[in-house]
Amino acid sequence: MRYVKFGSSDMMVSEACVGTMMWGSFNDEAEAFAQLDAAIEKGVNFIDTAEMYPVPGNPEWVNRTEVFIGKWLADRTASGRMDRSKLYIATKVCGDMHIFPEAAHKNFRACKAGREDPLGDRPPAGYDPEKGAGPSQSAEQMMTACRASLTRLGCDYIDLYQLHWPERYVPAFGKVEYKKERERSDDSASPESFDKIVKGLKALFDAQMIKHWGLSNETAFGIMSFCAACDRVGVPRPVSVQNDVSLLNRGFEQETAEVCRHFNIAGLPYGALAGGTLSGKYDGGDGQEPPNKKARHIQYPNFQARYHSEASLAASRKYSALARKNGLKPVQLAIGWMRSRWWNTSIITGSTSVSQLEEYIDAFSVELSADVLDEIDKIHVQCRNPNVME
């Protein structure tokens, strides 16, 4: 395992970061523990989670992933198998729920209720699925949310605290076109609105609850605006941005990569396999076994549908064919390309089994040749960013 400096921070993180968002929905506690143990055995020292995980969102299991990680960490540190100081833990705080369809708002109201009731029964006490404001990134709510995450994780501090998505309207999650008619009446992209959020983060720094902070699902404009706000307020700049990046969505390498270069922001991409599509298991070739009925896109076809649209599946088949032509597995091609991008510092895995996790991490040893990278670019010209839905 290779270790890399994480942006402007003092963190030296493994090139692979363990993604956890399906632990508690697709995986039970024992399966989550097994994957964490396997990752540590492979040399991984970086774990990413979020207060709202697991997915798909559900009031019955909101916050469960952080609870699993906290139990694992408590057990492994008590037994001497793990030293907390050698591990980097990242989590995320929800933003405004109105970026999502109204049918999903009940899940975010549950997440907000979970901030007041970190370890209680789910759905949380006081939760009303039909009414009430959802979570926000106000100073008061971020303080409550961070305390709740620390309680669930059983930690004294969080190494990387990320804003899961912006408070303001932005095109995200498969959308790239900015539509001004979707701006909300309470939206603000003024310097003062960015300052307000940064001041809330300052309180977390002052309380020694977080060591670093980062962004997620953010635009180039947002990254620059937050950096400017940090300079005005006197808070450390964000050290990373966690956006959706893969062979099927290369939008990051445009203006966002330029901003990250000049502000020393680490890329911490998710979606490297497009929810498993780029593993090749959905290709449907002759003699290929169909994916397991528990596979994400089979069990929840409406969740992250951008990853298995007809255009995405068609492009994936081309990449799989290129991989096999060069003696590679599709996973190796997908991860090898991600590693070839200078702006990707640590890449988040996604797995529901130890075997998937090990295949994912083992792919980090593969270096793609210049010829293969050229062939990838030719496919990209034919199938440009098929994950983009709007």
Foldseek 3Di string as FASTA:
>chain_A
DAWPQQFPDNDTFDQAEAEQQCEQPLHDLVQSLVQVVLCVVLPGQHYEEEQQGHPPQDQQRGRVRLLSLQVSVVVCVVVVNDDNVSHAYEYEDEAFPVLDDPVCQLSQLQSLLCLVVLPDGTSHPPRDSPDDGGQHLALVSVVSNLVSSCVSNVHQAHAEYEHAADNWDDQFLQAHDDDVVPGDPPHDPDLVVLLRSVVSVVVCVVSRRYNAYAYERDDLSVLVSNQVSCVVNVHDRHQEYEYADWLLAHPCVPSVLVSCVVSRHAYAYACLCLQVLLQVQCLPDPPRDHDDCSRPCNVPVPPSVLSPDPLNSVLSNVLQVLQVVVVHGSLLSSVQVVVVDPRHRHYYDDDSHNVSSVVNSVSNVDHDDPVSVVVSVVSCVVRPNSSRDD
